[in-house]
C-alpha atoms as a PDB file:
ATOM      1  CA  MET A   1      89.936 177.830  64.492  1.00  0.00           C
ATOM      2  CA  THR A   2      87.527 177.614  61.603  1.00  0.00           C
ATOM      3  CA  ASP A   3      84.406 179.749  61.238  1.00  0.00           C
ATOM      4  CA  THR A   4      82.358 176.733  62.310  1.00  0.00           C
ATOM      5  CA  ASP A   5      84.440 176.230  65.461  1.00  0.00           C
ATOM      6  CA  VAL A   6      83.980 179.889  66.378  1.00  0.00           C
ATOM      7  CA  LEU A   7      80.229 179.629  65.731  1.00  0.00           C
ATOM      8  CA  ILE A   8      79.875 176.600  68.031  1.00  0.00           C
ATOM      9  CA  ALA A   9      81.933 178.302  70.750  1.00  0.00           C
ATOM     10  CA  VAL A  10      79.778 181.446  70.579  1.00  0.00           C
ATOM     11  CA  ILE A  11      76.573 179.394  70.733  1.00  0.00           C
ATOM     12  CA  ARG A  12      77.878 177.593  73.831  1.00  0.00           C
ATOM     13  CA  VAL A  13      78.870 180.835  75.570  1.00  0.00           C
ATOM     14  CA  LEU A  14      75.603 182.615  74.792  1.00  0.00           C
ATOM     15  CA  LYS A  15      73.567 179.582  75.818  1.00  0.00           C
ATOM     16  CA  GLU A  16      75.335 179.387  79.175  1.00  0.00           C
ATOM     17  CA  ARG A  17      74.802 183.088  79.808  1.00  0.00           C
ATOM     18  CA  HIS A  18      71.058 182.930  79.141  1.00  0.00           C
ATOM     19  CA  PRO A  19      69.117 182.596  82.420  1.00  0.00           C
ATOM     20  CA  GLU A  20      67.068 179.670  81.111  1.00  0.00           C
ATOM     21  CA  LYS A  21      69.889 178.166  79.022  1.00  0.00           C
ATOM     22  CA  HIS A  22      68.049 178.836  75.749  1.00  0.00           C
ATOM     23  CA  SER A  23      69.936 178.796  72.480  1.00  0.00           C
ATOM     24  CA  PRO A  24      70.805 182.228  71.117  1.00  0.00           C
ATOM     25  CA  THR A  25      68.956 183.786  68.196  1.00  0.00           C
ATOM     26  CA  MET A  26      70.722 184.365  64.892  1.00  0.00           C
ATOM     27  CA  GLN A  27      70.721 188.085  65.676  1.00  0.00           C
ATOM     28  CA  GLU A  28      72.460 187.497  69.025  1.00  0.00           C
ATOM     29  CA  ILE A  29      75.068 185.285  67.351  1.00  0.00           C
ATOM     30  CA  GLY A  30      75.583 187.862  64.598  1.00  0.00           C
ATOM     31  CA  GLU A  31      76.041 190.685  67.092  1.00  0.00           C
ATOM     32  CA  ARG A  32      78.620 188.663  68.987  1.00  0.00           C
ATOM     33  CA  LEU A  33      80.549 187.741  65.830  1.00  0.00           C
ATOM     34  CA  GLY A  34      80.106 191.098  64.107  1.00  0.00           C
ATOM     35  CA  ILE A  35      78.374 189.560  61.075  1.00  0.00           C
ATOM     36  CA  THR A  36      74.902 189.730  59.532  1.00  0.00           C
ATOM     37  CA  ARG A  37      72.071 187.300  60.246  1.00  0.00           C
ATOM     38  CA  GLN A  38      72.435 186.023  56.684  1.00  0.00           C
ATOM     39  CA  ALA A  39      76.089 185.171  57.327  1.00  0.00           C
ATOM     40  CA  VAL A  40      75.091 183.447  60.577  1.00  0.00           C
ATOM     41  CA  TYR A  41      72.478 181.433  58.686  1.00  0.00           C
ATOM     42  CA  LYS A  42      75.102 180.238  56.194  1.00  0.00           C
ATOM     43  CA  ARG A  43      77.481 179.201  58.992  1.00  0.00           C
ATOM     44  CA  ILE A  44      74.673 177.410  60.808  1.00  0.00           C
ATOM     45  CA  LYS A  45      73.814 175.460  57.655  1.00  0.00           C
ATOM     46  CA  VAL A  46      77.464 174.381  57.343  1.00  0.00           C
ATOM     47  CA  ALA A  47      77.565 173.265  60.995  1.00  0.00           C
ATOM     48  CA  GLU A  48      74.284 171.408  60.517  1.00  0.00           C
ATOM     49  CA  ARG A  49      75.601 169.569  57.439  1.00  0.00           C
ATOM     50  CA  ARG A  50      78.687 168.564  59.441  1.00  0.00           C
ATOM     51  CA  GLY A  51      76.472 167.094  62.168  1.00  0.00           C
ATOM     52  CA  LEU A  52      77.575 169.541  64.875  1.00  0.00           C
ATOM     53  CA  ILE A  53      74.166 171.088  65.471  1.00  0.00           C
ATOM     54  CA  SER A  54      70.521 170.481  64.717  1.00  0.00           C
ATOM     55  CA  VAL A  55      68.061 173.234  63.906  1.00  0.00           C
ATOM     56  CA  ILE A  56      64.338 173.084  64.627  1.00  0.00           C
ATOM     57  CA  PRO A  57      62.708 174.829  61.652  1.00  0.00           C
ATOM     58  CA  PHE A  58      60.703 178.001  62.335  1.00  0.00           C
ATOM     59  CA  LYS A  59      61.645 178.044  66.021  1.00  0.00           C
ATOM     60  CA  ARG A  60      63.280 181.281  67.205  1.00  0.00           C
ATOM     61  CA  ARG A  61      65.754 179.600  69.562  1.00  0.00           C
ATOM     62  CA  GLY A  62      65.833 176.246  67.815  1.00  0.00           C
ATOM     63  CA  ILE A  63      69.570 175.521  67.657  1.00  0.00           C
ATOM     64  CA  ILE A  64      70.561 172.302  69.396  1.00  0.00           C
ATOM     65  CA  LEU A  65      74.215 171.454  69.984  1.00  0.00           C
ATOM     66  CA  LEU A  66      74.985 167.790  69.332  1.00  0.00           C
END
């Protein structure tokens, strides 16, 4: 699995576990993966460029799986 595959899997798991099915924050993703928010941001940008997710700018839980 690539870093992007792991990122998408973690987003799916965290989203399903949230009571209202909200997307996780970068901090939540980072805690789960054991990486910094900056590293999460870089991975999210890669996934966004590949068309796997969409990010709503300036929204705390603005990650949308495509």
